[in-house]
Amino acid sequence: MNLLIIAPCLLSPFYVYRGPKEKEYETARRLRKLLGELGEEWQVLAYPCPEFELIGWPRAPASREAYEKLGMRERAKVIADFIGRVLTEEKPEEVVFLGVKGSPTCGVFHTSSSDPKRYPYRAMQEFFYMDKGERLKRSKELVGEQGFKLVKMPGILFEILTARFPEGLYLEFDKGNIEKSVREMQKRLEAIIQP
């Protein structure tokens, strides 16, 4: 058995902090189709969304540093422990981790960064009371106001996962380039089945 460990928002777009947009719907459609074609030698583990577990939904966009300040590292360790337990009990032959480019928690090679001292933490709670249109508008404003940058480093959860499970294959899905991400993922998974 091979195991694909996947960020839950890639399969179910409703976990995304502000609610899904078309790119999240398209990502989920394409990945569900790809997973359906993998065959019986694969199982899929969609771990709990770290950001949902810590803050709930909906929530304001936040950087890796803001989530660190909110206590994400401890929540991420609990999720990594769960993944570790599954790996210990199931003993898959191959393990592939699929994260999300730019995610503060689930970015594999790229995450979002900003100054945590400037972040308006009250916005997390305010998002709970906004409808989807308001959330989309305010999300865009917050990202601009906070000067979020894409930086080359893992999100909080994937920093922990790569340290604990260095033998895994790590892939990063870019929702900004869905076609390329799907092709790359398909190529890498097929290489495992037919070396």
Protein backbone atom coordinates (compact mmCIF):
# COMPACT_ATOMS: atom_id res chain seq x y z
CA MET A 1 0.00 0.00 0.00
CA ASN A 2 1.13 3.54 -0.84
CA LEU A 3 -0.18 6.53 1.10
CA LEU A 4 -0.92 10.03 -0.17
CA ILE A 5 -1.14 12.50 2.71
CA ILE A 6 -2.95 15.58 1.47
CA ALA A 7 -3.91 19.02 2.74
CA PRO A 8 -7.71 18.84 3.23
CA CYS A 9 -8.45 22.12 1.43
CA LEU A 10 -7.19 20.57 -1.80
CA LEU A 11 -10.02 18.04 -1.75
CA SER A 12 -12.70 20.11 -0.03
CA PRO A 13 -12.42 23.80 -0.86
CA PHE A 14 -14.65 24.87 2.01
CA TYR A 15 -11.72 24.85 4.47
CA VAL A 16 -10.09 27.84 2.75
CA TYR A 17 -9.94 30.73 5.23
CA ARG A 18 -12.29 33.08 3.35
CA GLY A 19 -14.39 30.45 1.57
CA PRO A 20 -13.80 28.95 -1.87
CA LYS A 21 -13.26 30.79 -5.11
CA GLU A 22 -13.21 29.22 -8.58
CA LYS A 23 -9.55 28.15 -8.30
CA GLU A 24 -10.38 26.13 -5.16
CA TYR A 25 -13.35 24.44 -6.85
CA GLU A 26 -11.23 23.61 -9.91
CA THR A 27 -8.37 22.28 -7.77
CA ALA A 28 -10.74 19.98 -5.88
CA ARG A 29 -12.38 18.73 -9.11
CA ARG A 30 -9.05 17.97 -10.76
CA LEU A 31 -7.52 16.26 -7.73
CA ARG A 32 -10.59 14.12 -7.03
CA LYS A 33 -10.47 12.95 -10.65
CA LEU A 34 -6.74 12.18 -10.42
CA LEU A 35 -7.16 10.30 -7.14
CA GLY A 36 -9.96 8.23 -8.65
CA GLU A 37 -7.53 7.04 -11.31
CA LEU A 38 -4.74 5.99 -8.91
CA GLY A 39 -5.81 2.41 -8.34
CA GLU A 40 -6.10 0.07 -5.40
CA GLU A 41 -2.47 0.33 -4.31
CA TRP A 42 -3.10 3.87 -3.02
CA GLN A 43 -4.86 5.16 0.07
CA VAL A 44 -5.46 8.83 0.89
CA LEU A 45 -5.16 10.55 4.26
CA ALA A 46 -6.60 14.07 4.40
CA TYR A 47 -5.39 15.25 7.80
CA PRO A 48 -7.34 17.81 9.88
CA CYS A 49 -6.89 21.39 8.68
CA PRO A 50 -4.49 23.01 11.18
CA GLU A 51 -5.93 26.49 10.67
CA PHE A 52 -9.51 25.27 11.13
CA GLU A 53 -8.47 23.35 14.23
CA LEU A 54 -6.88 26.46 15.78
CA ILE A 55 -9.20 29.29 14.65
CA GLY A 56 -12.32 27.79 13.08
CA TRP A 57 -14.03 29.04 9.94
CA PRO A 58 -14.25 31.49 8.34
CA ARG A 59 -11.09 33.28 9.35
CA ALA A 60 -8.96 36.15 8.14
CA PRO A 61 -5.86 35.54 6.01
CA ALA A 62 -2.73 35.36 8.15
CA SER A 63 0.96 34.75 7.63
CA ARG A 64 3.15 32.02 9.06
CA GLU A 65 4.44 34.44 11.71
CA ALA A 66 0.94 35.48 12.79
CA TYR A 67 -0.04 31.82 13.17
CA GLU A 68 3.13 31.18 15.19
CA LYS A 69 2.06 33.96 17.57
CA LEU A 70 -1.43 32.41 17.82
CA GLY A 71 0.01 29.05 18.94
CA MET A 72 -0.11 27.08 15.69
CA ARG A 73 3.07 25.11 16.38
CA GLU A 74 1.42 23.11 19.17
CA ARG A 75 -1.67 22.37 17.05
CA ALA A 76 0.58 21.32 14.14
CA LYS A 77 2.50 18.93 16.41
CA VAL A 78 -0.77 17.18 17.34
CA ILE A 79 -1.59 16.72 13.64
CA ALA A 80 1.96 15.46 12.93
CA ASP A 81 1.54 12.97 15.80
CA PHE A 82 -1.67 11.70 14.18
CA ILE A 83 0.08 11.28 10.83
CA GLY A 84 2.98 9.53 12.54
CA ARG A 85 0.62 7.08 14.23
CA VAL A 86 -1.02 6.23 10.90
CA LEU A 87 2.39 5.66 9.30
CA THR A 88 3.53 3.45 12.20
CA GLU A 89 0.39 1.32 12.15
CA GLU A 90 -0.18 1.06 8.40
CA LYS A 91 3.47 0.84 7.27
CA PRO A 92 2.97 2.09 3.70
CA GLU A 93 5.64 1.26 1.14
CA GLU A 94 5.70 4.79 -0.24
CA VAL A 95 4.53 8.01 1.38
CA VAL A 96 3.74 11.19 -0.55
CA PHE A 97 2.89 14.46 1.21
CA LEU A 98 0.95 17.05 -0.80
CA GLY A 99 0.79 20.59 0.55
CA VAL A 100 -0.31 24.01 -0.73
CA LYS A 101 2.02 26.65 -2.11
CA GLY A 102 1.92 29.78 0.03
CA SER A 103 0.00 28.28 2.95
CA PRO A 104 1.19 29.48 6.37
CA THR A 105 0.78 25.94 7.71
CA CYS A 106 0.68 23.57 4.72
CA GLY A 107 3.19 25.19 2.39
CA VAL A 108 5.84 22.64 1.46
CA PHE A 109 8.50 24.87 -0.09
CA HIS A 110 6.78 28.30 0.00
CA THR A 111 4.81 30.06 2.71
CA SER A 112 3.37 33.52 3.37
CA SER A 113 5.29 35.95 5.54
CA SER A 114 4.54 39.30 7.21
CA ASP A 115 5.29 41.27 10.35
CA PRO A 116 3.29 39.66 13.19
CA LYS A 117 3.46 42.86 15.27
CA ARG A 118 1.39 44.72 12.66
CA TYR A 119 -1.24 41.99 12.18
CA PRO A 120 -4.82 42.97 13.28
CA TYR A 121 -5.62 39.81 15.29
CA ARG A 122 -9.18 41.01 15.94
CA ALA A 123 -9.87 40.39 12.23
CA MET A 124 -9.91 36.62 12.90
CA GLN A 125 -13.12 36.96 14.91
CA GLU A 126 -14.62 39.65 12.66
CA PHE A 127 -14.59 37.27 9.69
CA PHE A 128 -17.04 34.99 11.48
CA TYR A 129 -19.77 37.61 11.09
CA MET A 130 -19.14 38.53 7.43
CA ASP A 131 -20.92 37.03 4.45
CA LYS A 132 -18.85 35.55 1.62
CA GLY A 133 -18.77 38.73 -0.47
CA GLU A 134 -17.56 40.79 2.49
CA ARG A 135 -14.94 38.17 3.36
CA LEU A 136 -13.55 38.09 -0.19
CA LYS A 137 -13.28 41.90 -0.25
CA ARG A 138 -11.76 42.17 3.24
CA SER A 139 -9.31 39.30 2.57
CA LYS A 140 -7.90 41.15 -0.42
CA GLU A 141 -7.59 44.34 1.64
CA LEU A 142 -5.84 42.56 4.53
CA VAL A 143 -3.34 40.86 2.24
CA GLY A 144 -2.47 44.26 0.74
CA GLU A 145 -2.37 46.08 4.08
CA GLN A 146 -0.15 43.46 5.68
CA GLY A 147 2.25 43.22 2.76
CA PHE A 148 2.20 39.42 2.71
CA LYS A 149 5.17 38.00 0.83
CA LEU A 150 5.71 34.55 -0.61
CA VAL A 151 8.97 33.25 0.89
CA LYS A 152 10.96 30.11 0.23
CA MET A 153 10.46 28.09 3.40
CA PRO A 154 7.89 25.56 4.63
CA GLY A 155 4.69 26.33 6.46
CA ILE A 156 4.56 25.43 10.14
CA LEU A 157 3.09 21.91 9.76
CA PHE A 158 5.33 20.97 6.85
CA GLU A 159 8.42 22.16 8.72
CA ILE A 160 7.52 19.62 11.40
CA LEU A 161 6.61 16.88 8.90
CA THR A 162 9.82 17.15 6.85
CA ALA A 163 11.88 16.95 10.05
CA ARG A 164 9.97 13.90 11.37
CA PHE A 165 9.48 12.05 8.07
CA PRO A 166 12.42 12.97 5.81
CA GLU A 167 12.02 9.80 3.72
CA GLY A 168 8.66 10.95 2.30
CA LEU A 169 8.18 12.50 -1.12
CA TYR A 170 7.02 16.11 -0.74
CA LEU A 171 4.98 17.86 -3.43
CA GLU A 172 3.52 21.35 -3.44
CA PHE A 173 0.28 22.20 -5.24
CA ASP A 174 0.08 25.68 -6.74
CA LYS A 175 -3.57 26.78 -7.03
CA GLY A 176 -2.31 29.60 -9.23
CA ASN A 177 -1.09 27.03 -11.79
CA ILE A 178 -3.49 24.11 -11.47
CA GLU A 179 -2.67 22.46 -14.80
CA LYS A 180 1.07 22.32 -14.13
CA SER A 181 0.52 21.11 -10.55
CA VAL A 182 -1.77 18.28 -11.65
CA ARG A 183 0.66 17.18 -14.40
CA GLU A 184 3.61 17.20 -11.99
CA MET A 185 1.71 15.27 -9.34
CA GLN A 186 0.50 12.68 -11.86
CA LYS A 187 4.04 12.22 -13.20
CA ARG A 188 5.54 11.79 -9.73
CA LEU A 189 2.86 9.33 -8.56
CA GLU A 190 3.11 7.26 -11.75
CA ALA A 191 6.90 7.04 -11.26
CA ILE A 192 6.28 5.39 -7.89
CA ILE A 193 3.95 2.77 -9.38
CA GLN A 194 6.10 2.09 -12.47
CA PRO A 195 9.73 2.81 -11.52
